[in-house]
PDB file of N, CA and C in Angstrom:
ATOM      1  N   LYS A   1       0.837  -1.189   0.000  1.00  0.00           N
ATOM      2  CA  LYS A   1       0.000   0.000   0.000  1.00  0.00           C
ATOM      3  C   LYS A   1       0.878   1.247   0.000  1.00  0.00           C
ATOM      4  N   ASP A   2       0.412   2.250  -0.718  1.00  0.00           N
ATOM      5  CA  ASP A   2       1.091   3.539  -0.703  1.00  0.00           C
ATOM      6  C   ASP A   2       0.544   4.376   0.438  1.00  0.00           C
ATOM      7  N   ASP A   3       1.420   5.097   1.059  1.00  0.00           N
ATOM      8  CA  ASP A   3       1.015   6.008   2.132  1.00  0.00           C
ATOM      9  C   ASP A   3       1.155   7.433   1.611  1.00  0.00           C
ATOM     10  N   ALA A   4       0.204   7.865   0.803  1.00  0.00           N
ATOM     11  CA  ALA A   4       0.272   9.179   0.155  1.00  0.00           C
ATOM     12  C   ALA A   4       0.304  10.304   1.180  1.00  0.00           C
ATOM     13  N   ALA A   5      -0.492  10.185   2.219  1.00  0.00           N
ATOM     14  CA  ALA A   5      -0.519  11.239   3.243  1.00  0.00           C
ATOM     15  C   ALA A   5       0.819  11.313   3.968  1.00  0.00           C
ATOM     16  N   GLY A   6       1.365  10.158   4.304  1.00  0.00           N
ATOM     17  CA  GLY A   6       2.665  10.120   4.980  1.00  0.00           C
ATOM     18  C   GLY A   6       3.770  10.679   4.097  1.00  0.00           C
ATOM     19  N   GLN A   7       3.718  10.344   2.807  1.00  0.00           N
ATOM     20  CA  GLN A   7       4.725  10.860   1.874  1.00  0.00           C
ATOM     21  C   GLN A   7       4.605  12.374   1.729  1.00  0.00           C
ATOM     22  N   ALA A   8       3.398  12.877   1.693  1.00  0.00           N
ATOM     23  CA  ALA A   8       3.186  14.326   1.583  1.00  0.00           C
ATOM     24  C   ALA A   8       3.742  15.045   2.809  1.00  0.00           C
ATOM     25  N   ILE A   9       3.514  14.466   3.978  1.00  0.00           N
ATOM     26  CA  ILE A   9       4.040  15.062   5.216  1.00  0.00           C
ATOM     27  C   ILE A   9       5.565  15.022   5.205  1.00  0.00           C
ATOM     28  N   ALA A  10       6.134  13.896   4.803  1.00  0.00           N
ATOM     29  CA  ALA A  10       7.594  13.765   4.742  1.00  0.00           C
ATOM     30  C   ALA A  10       8.184  14.764   3.752  1.00  0.00           C
ATOM     31  N   ASN A  11       7.542  14.933   2.610  1.00  0.00           N
ATOM     32  CA  ASN A  11       8.023  15.899   1.616  1.00  0.00           C
ATOM     33  C   ASN A  11       7.977  17.321   2.163  1.00  0.00           C
ATOM     34  N   ARG A  12       6.915  17.631   2.869  1.00  0.00           N
ATOM     35  CA  ARG A  12       6.774  18.969   3.454  1.00  0.00           C
ATOM     36  C   ARG A  12       7.871  19.210   4.497  1.00  0.00           C
ATOM     37  N   PHE A  13       8.140  18.212   5.341  1.00  0.00           N
ATOM     38  CA  PHE A  13       9.212  18.340   6.340  1.00  0.00           C
ATOM     39  C   PHE A  13      10.576  18.497   5.665  1.00  0.00           C
ATOM     40  N   THR A  14      10.811  17.702   4.622  1.00  0.00           N
ATOM     41  CA  THR A  14      12.086  17.792   3.904  1.00  0.00           C
ATOM     42  C   THR A  14      12.266  19.179   3.300  1.00  0.00           C
ATOM     43  N   ALA A  15      11.223  19.691   2.676  1.00  0.00           N
ATOM     44  CA  ALA A  15      11.294  21.031   2.083  1.00  0.00           C
ATOM     45  C   ALA A  15      11.536  22.080   3.157  1.00  0.00           C
ATOM     46  N   ASN A  16      10.881  21.925   4.293  1.00  0.00           N
ATOM     47  CA  ASN A  16      11.049  22.878   5.391  1.00  0.00           C
ATOM     48  C   ASN A  16      12.474  22.834   5.938  1.00  0.00           C
ATOM     49  N   ILE A  17      13.022  21.637   6.085  1.00  0.00           N
ATOM     50  CA  ILE A  17      14.398  21.488   6.584  1.00  0.00           C
ATOM     51  C   ILE A  17      15.379  22.127   5.612  1.00  0.00           C
ATOM     52  N   LYS A  18      15.197  21.889   4.321  1.00  0.00           N
ATOM     53  CA  LYS A  18      16.087  22.492   3.323  1.00  0.00           C
ATOM     54  C   LYS A  18      15.978  24.016   3.353  1.00  0.00           C
ATOM     55  N   GLY A  19      14.766  24.514   3.499  1.00  0.00           N
ATOM     56  CA  GLY A  19      14.573  25.961   3.585  1.00  0.00           C
ATOM     57  C   GLY A  19      15.241  26.549   4.815  1.00  0.00           C
ATOM     58  N   LEU A  20      15.117  25.869   5.947  1.00  0.00           N
ATOM     59  CA  LEU A  20      15.749  26.349   7.178  1.00  0.00           C
ATOM     60  C   LEU A  20      17.270  26.272   7.103  1.00  0.00           C
ATOM     61  N   THR A  21      17.786  25.241   6.441  1.00  0.00           N
ATOM     62  CA  THR A  21      19.237  25.125   6.274  1.00  0.00           C
ATOM     63  C   THR A  21      19.773  26.295   5.462  1.00  0.00           C
ATOM     64  N   GLN A  22      19.092  26.621   4.362  1.00  0.00           N
ATOM     65  CA  GLN A  22      19.523  27.760   3.550  1.00  0.00           C
ATOM     66  C   GLN A  22      19.338  29.067   4.308  1.00  0.00           C
ATOM     67  N   ALA A  23      18.264  29.184   5.059  1.00  0.00           N
ATOM     68  CA  ALA A  23      18.039  30.392   5.854  1.00  0.00           C
ATOM     69  C   ALA A  23      19.159  30.583   6.869  1.00  0.00           C
ATOM     70  N   SER A  24      19.633  29.488   7.439  1.00  0.00           N
ATOM     71  CA  SER A  24      20.754  29.562   8.379  1.00  0.00           C
ATOM     72  C   SER A  24      22.008  30.072   7.679  1.00  0.00           C
ATOM     73  N   ARG A  25      22.259  29.586   6.472  1.00  0.00           N
ATOM     74  CA  ARG A  25      23.410  30.083   5.701  1.00  0.00           C
ATOM     75  C   ARG A  25      23.249  31.571   5.403  1.00  0.00           C
ATOM     76  N   ASN A  26      22.042  31.954   5.022  1.00  0.00           N
ATOM     77  CA  ASN A  26      21.776  33.365   4.734  1.00  0.00           C
ATOM     78  C   ASN A  26      22.012  34.232   5.969  1.00  0.00           C
ATOM     79  N   ALA A  27      21.548  33.763   7.118  1.00  0.00           N
ATOM     80  CA  ALA A  27      21.741  34.522   8.360  1.00  0.00           C
ATOM     81  C   ALA A  27      23.225  34.659   8.674  1.00  0.00           C
ATOM     82  N   ASN A  28      23.994  33.602   8.451  1.00  0.00           N
ATOM     83  CA  ASN A  28      25.442  33.680   8.666  1.00  0.00           C
ATOM     84  C   ASN A  28      26.088  34.684   7.719  1.00  0.00           C
ATOM     85  N   ASP A  29      25.611  34.738   6.475  1.00  0.00           N
ATOM     86  CA  ASP A  29      26.103  35.759   5.543  1.00  0.00           C
ATOM     87  C   ASP A  29      25.759  37.153   6.053  1.00  0.00           C
ATOM     88  N   GLY A  30      24.560  37.312   6.588  1.00  0.00           N
ATOM     89  CA  GLY A  30      24.160  38.603   7.154  1.00  0.00           C
ATOM     90  C   GLY A  30      25.059  39.014   8.306  1.00  0.00           C
ATOM     91  N   ILE A  31      25.407  38.060   9.147  1.00  0.00           N
ATOM     92  CA  ILE A  31      26.331  38.337  10.257  1.00  0.00           C
ATOM     93  C   ILE A  31      27.692  38.749   9.713  1.00  0.00           C
ATOM     94  N   SER A  32      28.154  38.063   8.686  1.00  0.00           N
ATOM     95  CA  SER A  32      29.450  38.399   8.090  1.00  0.00           C
ATOM     96  C   SER A  32      29.439  39.795   7.472  1.00  0.00           C
ATOM     97  N   ILE A  33      28.343  40.152   6.817  1.00  0.00           N
ATOM     98  CA  ILE A  33      28.216  41.506   6.263  1.00  0.00           C
ATOM     99  C   ILE A  33      28.296  42.531   7.388  1.00  0.00           C
ATOM    100  N   ALA A  34      27.569  42.278   8.461  1.00  0.00           N
ATOM    101  CA  ALA A  34      27.574  43.208   9.598  1.00  0.00           C
ATOM    102  C   ALA A  34      28.972  43.322  10.205  1.00  0.00           C
ATOM    103  N   GLN A  35      29.679  42.208  10.322  1.00  0.00           N
ATOM    104  CA  GLN A  35      31.031  42.240  10.889  1.00  0.00           C
ATOM    105  C   GLN A  35      32.000  42.987   9.973  1.00  0.00           C
ATOM    106  N   THR A  36      31.883  42.770   8.679  1.00  0.00           N
ATOM    107  CA  THR A  36      32.726  43.488   7.718  1.00  0.00           C
ATOM    108  C   THR A  36      32.470  44.984   7.807  1.00  0.00           C
ATOM    109  N   THR A  37      31.202  45.347   7.851  1.00  0.00           N
ATOM    110  CA  THR A  37      30.828  46.756   7.940  1.00  0.00           C
ATOM    111  C   THR A  37      31.299  47.358   9.254  1.00  0.00           C
ATOM    112  N   GLU A  38      31.145  46.610  10.339  1.00  0.00           N
ATOM    113  CA  GLU A  38      31.588  47.101  11.643  1.00  0.00           C
ATOM    114  C   GLU A  38      33.088  47.373  11.652  1.00  0.00           C
ATOM    115  N   GLY A  39      33.863  46.483  11.063  1.00  0.00           N
ATOM    116  CA  GLY A  39      35.309  46.688  10.995  1.00  0.00           C
ATOM    117  C   GLY A  39      35.663  47.957  10.241  1.00  0.00           C
ATOM    118  N   ALA A  40      34.989  48.182   9.127  1.00  0.00           N
ATOM    119  CA  ALA A  40      35.238  49.393   8.340  1.00  0.00           C
ATOM    120  C   ALA A  40      34.825  50.639   9.116  1.00  0.00           C
ATOM    121  N   LEU A  41      33.678  50.584   9.778  1.00  0.00           N
ATOM    122  CA  LEU A  41      33.216  51.740  10.553  1.00  0.00           C
ATOM    123  C   LEU A  41      34.141  52.030  11.730  1.00  0.00           C
ATOM    124  N   ASN A  42      34.696  50.991  12.339  1.00  0.00           N
ATOM    125  CA  ASN A  42      35.678  51.206  13.410  1.00  0.00           C
ATOM    126  C   ASN A  42      36.910  51.922  12.876  1.00  0.00           C
ATOM    127  N   GLU A  43      37.360  51.526  11.694  1.00  0.00           N
ATOM    128  CA  GLU A  43      38.516  52.182  11.067  1.00  0.00           C
ATOM    129  C   GLU A  43      38.202  53.645  10.751  1.00  0.00           C
ATOM    130  N   ILE A  44      37.014  53.893  10.230  1.00  0.00           N
ATOM    131  CA  ILE A  44      36.601  55.273   9.945  1.00  0.00           C
ATOM    132  C   ILE A  44      36.535  56.075  11.237  1.00  0.00           C
ATOM    133  N   ASN A  45      35.974  55.486  12.283  1.00  0.00           N
ATOM    134  CA  ASN A  45      35.878  56.169  13.572  1.00  0.00           C
ATOM    135  C   ASN A  45      37.259  56.513  14.121  1.00  0.00           C
ATOM    136  N   ASN A  46      38.202  55.581  14.015  1.00  0.00           N
ATOM    137  CA  ASN A  46      39.566  55.859  14.484  1.00  0.00           C
ATOM    138  C   ASN A  46      40.166  57.047  13.743  1.00  0.00           C
ATOM    139  N   ASN A  47      39.948  57.105  12.442  1.00  0.00           N
ATOM    140  CA  ASN A  47      40.459  58.226  11.659  1.00  0.00           C
ATOM    141  C   ASN A  47      39.773  59.532  12.041  1.00  0.00           C
ATOM    142  N   LEU A  48      38.472  59.486  12.270  1.00  0.00           N
ATOM    143  CA  LEU A  48      37.753  60.699  12.681  1.00  0.00           C
ATOM    144  C   LEU A  48      38.215  61.193  14.046  1.00  0.00           C
ATOM    145  N   GLN A  49      38.474  60.266  14.959  1.00  0.00           N
ATOM    146  CA  GLN A  49      38.980  60.658  16.275  1.00  0.00           C
ATOM    147  C   GLN A  49      40.332  61.353  16.149  1.00  0.00           C
ATOM    148  N   ARG A  50      41.184  60.834  15.266  1.00  0.00           N
ATOM    149  CA  ARG A  50      42.495  61.456  15.058  1.00  0.00           C
ATOM    150  C   ARG A  50      42.345  62.833  14.404  1.00  0.00           C
ATOM    151  N   VAL A  51      41.424  62.973  13.458  1.00  0.00           N
ATOM    152  CA  VAL A  51      41.172  64.282  12.837  1.00  0.00           C
ATOM    153  C   VAL A  51      40.718  65.275  13.897  1.00  0.00           C
ATOM    154  N   ARG A  52      39.845  64.842  14.790  1.00  0.00           N
ATOM    155  CA  ARG A  52      39.386  65.721  15.868  1.00  0.00           C
ATOM    156  C   ARG A  52      40.560  66.134  16.751  1.00  0.00           C
ATOM    157  N   GLU A  53      41.387  65.168  17.113  1.00  0.00           N
ATOM    158  CA  GLU A  53      42.560  65.441  17.940  1.00  0.00           C
ATOM    159  C   GLU A  53      43.484  66.458  17.254  1.00  0.00           C
ATOM    160  N   LEU A  54      43.692  66.279  15.965  1.00  0.00           N
ATOM    161  CA  LEU A  54      44.548  67.204  15.216  1.00  0.00           C
ATOM    162  C   LEU A  54      43.923  68.595  15.121  1.00  0.00           C
ATOM    163  N   ALA A  55      42.609  68.657  14.978  1.00  0.00           N
ATOM    164  CA  ALA A  55      41.934  69.952  14.917  1.00  0.00           C
ATOM    165  C   ALA A  55      42.102  70.709  16.230  1.00  0.00           C
ATOM    166  N   VAL A  56      41.973  70.004  17.341  1.00  0.00           N
ATOM    167  CA  VAL A  56      42.180  70.633  18.651  1.00  0.00           C
ATOM    168  C   VAL A  56      43.634  71.080  18.784  1.00  0.00           C
ATOM    169  N   GLN A  57      44.552  70.234  18.353  1.00  0.00           N
ATOM    170  CA  GLN A  57      45.977  70.574  18.415  1.00  0.00           C
ATOM    171  C   GLN A  57      46.281  71.815  17.579  1.00  0.00           C
ATOM    172  N   SER A  58      45.638  71.939  16.433  1.00  0.00           N
ATOM    173  CA  SER A  58      45.923  73.069  15.547  1.00  0.00           C
ATOM    174  C   SER A  58      45.424  74.395  16.111  1.00  0.00           C
ATOM    175  N   ALA A  59      44.497  74.344  17.049  1.00  0.00           N
ATOM    176  CA  ALA A  59      43.953  75.572  17.635  1.00  0.00           C
ATOM    177  C   ALA A  59      44.921  76.228  18.610  1.00  0.00           C
ATOM    178  N   ASN A  60      45.993  75.551  18.943  1.00  0.00           N
ATOM    179  CA  ASN A  60      46.991  76.088  19.864  1.00  0.00           C
ATOM    180  C   ASN A  60      47.803  77.165  19.144  1.00  0.00           C
ATOM    181  N   SER A  61      47.839  78.345  19.698  1.00  0.00           N
ATOM    182  CA  SER A  61      48.513  79.466  19.030  1.00  0.00           C
ATOM    183  C   SER A  61      50.033  79.354  19.056  1.00  0.00           C
ATOM    184  N   THR A  62      50.567  78.366  19.727  1.00  0.00           N
ATOM    185  CA  THR A  62      52.026  78.201  19.755  1.00  0.00           C
ATOM    186  C   THR A  62      52.544  77.399  18.558  1.00  0.00           C
ATOM    187  N   ASN A  63      51.655  76.930  17.695  1.00  0.00           N
ATOM    188  CA  ASN A  63      52.078  76.169  16.520  1.00  0.00           C
ATOM    189  C   ASN A  63      52.700  77.093  15.478  1.00  0.00           C
ATOM    190  N   SER A  64      53.772  76.621  14.883  1.00  0.00           N
ATOM    191  CA  SER A  64      54.377  77.356  13.771  1.00  0.00           C
ATOM    192  C   SER A  64      53.606  77.041  12.489  1.00  0.00           C
ATOM    193  N   GLN A  65      53.901  77.779  11.439  1.00  0.00           N
ATOM    194  CA  GLN A  65      53.258  77.489  10.155  1.00  0.00           C
ATOM    195  C   GLN A  65      53.630  76.087   9.673  1.00  0.00           C
ATOM    196  N   SER A  66      54.848  75.679   9.940  1.00  0.00           N
ATOM    197  CA  SER A  66      55.285  74.333   9.578  1.00  0.00           C
ATOM    198  C   SER A  66      54.478  73.277  10.334  1.00  0.00           C
ATOM    199  N   ASP A  67      54.224  73.547  11.617  1.00  0.00           N
ATOM    200  CA  ASP A  67      53.394  72.638  12.418  1.00  0.00           C
ATOM    201  C   ASP A  67      51.991  72.536  11.822  1.00  0.00           C
ATOM    202  N   LEU A  68      51.420  73.684  11.506  1.00  0.00           N
ATOM    203  CA  LEU A  68      50.063  73.707  10.948  1.00  0.00           C
ATOM    204  C   LEU A  68      50.004  72.995   9.599  1.00  0.00           C
ATOM    205  N   ASP A  69      51.041  73.180   8.791  1.00  0.00           N
ATOM    206  CA  ASP A  69      51.087  72.489   7.498  1.00  0.00           C
ATOM    207  C   ASP A  69      51.146  70.974   7.690  1.00  0.00           C
ATOM    208  N   SER A  70      51.927  70.534   8.668  1.00  0.00           N
ATOM    209  CA  SER A  70      52.028  69.099   8.958  1.00  0.00           C
ATOM    210  C   SER A  70      50.701  68.549   9.467  1.00  0.00           C
ATOM    211  N   ILE A  71      50.057  69.312  10.331  1.00  0.00           N
ATOM    212  CA  ILE A  71      48.747  68.897  10.854  1.00  0.00           C
ATOM    213  C   ILE A  71      47.748  68.787   9.708  1.00  0.00           C
ATOM    214  N   GLN A  72      47.724  69.798   8.839  1.00  0.00           N
ATOM    215  CA  GLN A  72      46.790  69.775   7.712  1.00  0.00           C
ATOM    216  C   GLN A  72      47.076  68.598   6.783  1.00  0.00           C
ATOM    217  N   ALA A  73      48.348  68.303   6.574  1.00  0.00           N
ATOM    218  CA  ALA A  73      48.706  67.170   5.709  1.00  0.00           C
ATOM    219  C   ALA A  73      48.189  65.859   6.290  1.00  0.00           C
ATOM    220  N   GLU A  74      48.314  65.697   7.605  1.00  0.00           N
ATOM    221  CA  GLU A  74      47.810  64.463   8.214  1.00  0.00           C
ATOM    222  C   GLU A  74      46.288  64.410   8.167  1.00  0.00           C
ATOM    223  N   ILE A  75      45.639  65.548   8.385  1.00  0.00           N
ATOM    224  CA  ILE A  75      44.173  65.576   8.298  1.00  0.00           C
ATOM    225  C   ILE A  75      43.729  65.166   6.895  1.00  0.00           C
ATOM    226  N   THR A  76      44.372  65.719   5.886  1.00  0.00           N
ATOM    227  CA  THR A  76      44.032  65.370   4.503  1.00  0.00           C
ATOM    228  C   THR A  76      44.245  63.883   4.255  1.00  0.00           C
ATOM    229  N   GLN A  77      45.340  63.345   4.764  1.00  0.00           N
ATOM    230  CA  GLN A  77      45.627  61.918   4.620  1.00  0.00           C
ATOM    231  C   GLN A  77      44.543  61.079   5.300  1.00  0.00           C
ATOM    232  N   ARG A  78      44.137  61.477   6.484  1.00  0.00           N
ATOM    233  CA  ARG A  78      43.096  60.735   7.217  1.00  0.00           C
ATOM    234  C   ARG A  78      41.757  60.791   6.479  1.00  0.00           C
ATOM    235  N   LEU A  79      41.410  61.955   5.951  1.00  0.00           N
ATOM    236  CA  LEU A  79      40.150  62.081   5.216  1.00  0.00           C
ATOM    237  C   LEU A  79      40.176  61.244   3.937  1.00  0.00           C
ATOM    238  N   ASN A  80      41.315  61.207   3.276  1.00  0.00           N
ATOM    239  CA  ASN A  80      41.448  60.350   2.091  1.00  0.00           C
ATOM    240  C   ASN A  80      41.297  58.880   2.459  1.00  0.00           C
ATOM    241  N   GLU A  81      41.824  58.500   3.611  1.00  0.00           N
ATOM    242  CA  GLU A  81      41.690  57.113   4.071  1.00  0.00           C
ATOM    243  C   GLU A  81      40.229  56.781   4.375  1.00  0.00           C
ATOM    244  N   ILE A  82      39.511  57.723   4.958  1.00  0.00           N
ATOM    245  CA  ILE A  82      38.080  57.514   5.211  1.00  0.00           C
ATOM    246  C   ILE A  82      37.349  57.284   3.891  1.00  0.00           C
ATOM    247  N   ASP A  83      37.642  58.108   2.890  1.00  0.00           N
ATOM    248  CA  ASP A  83      37.020  57.930   1.571  1.00  0.00           C
ATOM    249  C   ASP A  83      37.364  56.568   0.976  1.00  0.00           C
ATOM    250  N   ARG A  84      38.622  56.161   1.114  1.00  0.00           N
ATOM    251  CA  ARG A  84      39.051  54.878   0.568  1.00  0.00           C
ATOM    252  C   ARG A  84      38.323  53.718   1.244  1.00  0.00           C
ATOM    253  N   VAL A  85      38.275  53.747   2.565  1.00  0.00           N
ATOM    254  CA  VAL A  85      37.615  52.662   3.308  1.00  0.00           C
ATOM    255  C   VAL A  85      36.130  52.599   2.952  1.00  0.00           C
ATOM    256  N   SER A  86      35.471  53.746   2.915  1.00  0.00           N
ATOM    257  CA  SER A  86      34.035  53.741   2.625  1.00  0.00           C
ATOM    258  C   SER A  86      33.750  53.318   1.189  1.00  0.00           C
ATOM    259  N   GLY A  87      34.665  53.602   0.278  1.00  0.00           N
ATOM    260  CA  GLY A  87      34.448  53.237  -1.115  1.00  0.00           C
ATOM    261  C   GLY A  87      34.860  51.826  -1.474  1.00  0.00           C
ATOM    262  N   GLN A  88      35.745  51.224  -0.688  1.00  0.00           N
ATOM    263  CA  GLN A  88      36.299  49.928  -1.055  1.00  0.00           C
ATOM    264  C   GLN A  88      35.822  48.754  -0.198  1.00  0.00           C
ATOM    265  N   THR A  89      35.179  49.006   0.923  1.00  0.00           N
ATOM    266  CA  THR A  89      34.760  47.907   1.792  1.00  0.00           C
ATOM    267  C   THR A  89      33.671  47.099   1.095  1.00  0.00           C
ATOM    268  N   GLN A  90      33.955  45.819   0.896  1.00  0.00           N
ATOM    269  CA  GLN A  90      33.033  44.955   0.161  1.00  0.00           C
ATOM    270  C   GLN A  90      32.763  43.658   0.909  1.00  0.00           C
ATOM    271  N   PHE A  91      31.590  43.119   0.641  1.00  0.00           N
ATOM    272  CA  PHE A  91      31.278  41.752   1.043  1.00  0.00           C
ATOM    273  C   PHE A  91      30.645  41.075  -0.159  1.00  0.00           C
ATOM    274  N   ASN A  92      31.278  40.044  -0.630  1.00  0.00           N
ATOM    275  CA  ASN A  92      30.768  39.274  -1.768  1.00  0.00           C
ATOM    276  C   ASN A  92      30.479  40.168  -2.974  1.00  0.00           C
ATOM    277  N   GLY A  93      31.370  41.133  -3.199  1.00  0.00           N
ATOM    278  CA  GLY A  93      31.239  42.028  -4.342  1.00  0.00           C
ATOM    279  C   GLY A  93      30.343  43.227  -4.129  1.00  0.00           C
ATOM    280  N   VAL A  94      29.677  43.309  -2.991  1.00  0.00           N
ATOM    281  CA  VAL A  94      28.790  44.434  -2.694  1.00  0.00           C
ATOM    282  C   VAL A  94      29.551  45.446  -1.850  1.00  0.00           C
ATOM    283  N   LYS A  95      29.638  46.673  -2.336  1.00  0.00           N
ATOM    284  CA  LYS A  95      30.283  47.739  -1.570  1.00  0.00           C
ATOM    285  C   LYS A  95      29.292  48.198  -0.504  1.00  0.00           C
ATOM    286  N   VAL A  96      29.545  47.772   0.720  1.00  0.00           N
ATOM    287  CA  VAL A  96      28.547  47.922   1.779  1.00  0.00           C
ATOM    288  C   VAL A  96      28.410  49.344   2.309  1.00  0.00           C
ATOM    289  N   LEU A  97      29.410  50.179   2.129  1.00  0.00           N
ATOM    290  CA  LEU A  97      29.319  51.554   2.616  1.00  0.00           C
ATOM    291  C   LEU A  97      29.189  52.570   1.491  1.00  0.00           C
ATOM    292  N   ALA A  98      29.459  52.169   0.269  1.00  0.00           N
ATOM    293  CA  ALA A  98      29.487  53.116  -0.843  1.00  0.00           C
ATOM    294  C   ALA A  98      28.151  53.228  -1.557  1.00  0.00           C
ATOM    295  N   GLN A  99      27.207  52.409  -1.202  1.00  0.00           N
ATOM    296  CA  GLN A  99      25.918  52.424  -1.876  1.00  0.00           C
ATOM    297  C   GLN A  99      24.818  52.726  -0.877  1.00  0.00           C
ATOM    298  N   ASP A 100      23.843  53.469  -1.342  1.00  0.00           N
ATOM    299  CA  ASP A 100      22.689  53.777  -0.502  1.00  0.00           C
ATOM    300  C   ASP A 100      21.591  52.783  -0.851  1.00  0.00           C
ATOM    301  N   ASN A 101      21.632  51.641  -0.199  1.00  0.00           N
ATOM    302  CA  ASN A 101      20.624  50.629  -0.464  1.00  0.00           C
ATOM    303  C   ASN A 101      20.375  49.795   0.782  1.00  0.00           C
ATOM    304  N   THR A 102      19.342  49.006   0.714  1.00  0.00           N
ATOM    305  CA  THR A 102      18.986  48.100   1.798  1.00  0.00           C
ATOM    306  C   THR A 102      19.246  46.675   1.338  1.00  0.00           C
ATOM    307  N   LEU A 103      19.961  45.922   2.152  1.00  0.00           N
ATOM    308  CA  LEU A 103      20.184  44.508   1.861  1.00  0.00           C
ATOM    309  C   LEU A 103      19.123  43.701   2.598  1.00  0.00           C
ATOM    310  N   THR A 104      18.404  42.868   1.869  1.00  0.00           N
ATOM    311  CA  THR A 104      17.370  42.024   2.461  1.00  0.00           C
ATOM    312  C   THR A 104      17.894  40.600   2.531  1.00  0.00           C
ATOM    313  N   ILE A 105      17.794  40.013   3.713  1.00  0.00           N
ATOM    314  CA  ILE A 105      18.313  38.663   3.929  1.00  0.00           C
ATOM    315  C   ILE A 105      17.163  37.753   4.345  1.00  0.00           C
ATOM    316  N   GLN A 106      16.987  36.678   3.597  1.00  0.00           N
ATOM    317  CA  GLN A 106      15.970  35.679   3.898  1.00  0.00           C
ATOM    318  C   GLN A 106      16.471  34.832   5.060  1.00  0.00           C
ATOM    319  N   VAL A 107      15.802  34.918   6.204  1.00  0.00           N
ATOM    320  CA  VAL A 107      16.273  34.215   7.396  1.00  0.00           C
ATOM    321  C   VAL A 107      15.313  33.135   7.882  1.00  0.00           C
ATOM    322  N   GLY A 108      14.252  32.917   7.136  1.00  0.00           N
ATOM    323  CA  GLY A 108      13.304  31.873   7.497  1.00  0.00           C
ATOM    324  C   GLY A 108      13.046  30.969   6.314  1.00  0.00           C
ATOM    325  N   ALA A 109      12.353  29.891   6.566  1.00  0.00           N
ATOM    326  CA  ALA A 109      12.076  28.920   5.510  1.00  0.00           C
ATOM    327  C   ALA A 109      10.961  29.382   4.585  1.00  0.00           C
ATOM    328  N   ASN A 110      10.200  30.380   4.999  1.00  0.00           N
ATOM    329  CA  ASN A 110       9.037  30.809   4.235  1.00  0.00           C
ATOM    330  C   ASN A 110       9.209  32.215   3.685  1.00  0.00           C
ATOM    331  N   ASP A 111       8.467  32.497   2.645  1.00  0.00           N
ATOM    332  CA  ASP A 111       8.492  33.805   2.010  1.00  0.00           C
ATOM    333  C   ASP A 111       8.138  34.891   3.021  1.00  0.00           C
ATOM    334  N   GLY A 112       8.877  35.985   2.976  1.00  0.00           N
ATOM    335  CA  GLY A 112       8.596  37.106   3.863  1.00  0.00           C
ATOM    336  C   GLY A 112       9.317  37.058   5.194  1.00  0.00           C
ATOM    337  N   GLU A 113      10.006  35.986   5.484  1.00  0.00           N
ATOM    338  CA  GLU A 113      10.763  35.888   6.735  1.00  0.00           C
ATOM    339  C   GLU A 113      12.161  36.446   6.489  1.00  0.00           C
ATOM    340  N   THR A 114      12.235  37.777   6.492  1.00  0.00           N
ATOM    341  CA  THR A 114      13.466  38.468   6.119  1.00  0.00           C
ATOM    342  C   THR A 114      13.850  39.494   7.173  1.00  0.00           C
ATOM    343  N   ILE A 115      15.107  39.919   7.096  1.00  0.00           N
ATOM    344  CA  ILE A 115      15.560  41.085   7.846  1.00  0.00           C
ATOM    345  C   ILE A 115      16.229  42.012   6.839  1.00  0.00           C
ATOM    346  N   ASP A 116      16.165  43.295   7.117  1.00  0.00           N
ATOM    347  CA  ASP A 116      16.780  44.295   6.256  1.00  0.00           C
ATOM    348  C   ASP A 116      17.960  44.917   6.970  1.00  0.00           C
ATOM    349  N   ILE A 117      19.033  45.106   6.226  1.00  0.00           N
ATOM    350  CA  ILE A 117      20.206  45.810   6.735  1.00  0.00           C
ATOM    351  C   ILE A 117      20.300  47.102   5.949  1.00  0.00           C
ATOM    352  N   ASP A 118      20.145  48.220   6.670  1.00  0.00           N
ATOM    353  CA  ASP A 118      20.213  49.539   6.013  1.00  0.00           C
ATOM    354  C   ASP A 118      21.615  50.080   6.070  1.00  0.00           C
TER     355      ASP A 118
END
């Protein structure tokens, strides 16, 4: 005898398991994207903190013109590094900081079970 009902239930469970397995992979990719982005943002933050420090240092009236030129050169270098990091940080070919878009990650076995990363 064929057990059509049992086979249908087994097929549904198998499909659900496969969907959940892929959703788990997708969620791990989402975590990796977030970690990549966090690393880049930490680097940008470090550069911004140094720019702030240099700006405060430059306000000291005891600086010579040579000192101010050196400070400005480092500020320019730091700002260029911020631009480079924001333009080049990628995950799987997607520039995560250089584009204004939302990444949608399927994290469940069913349609609509997603999270968005802005």
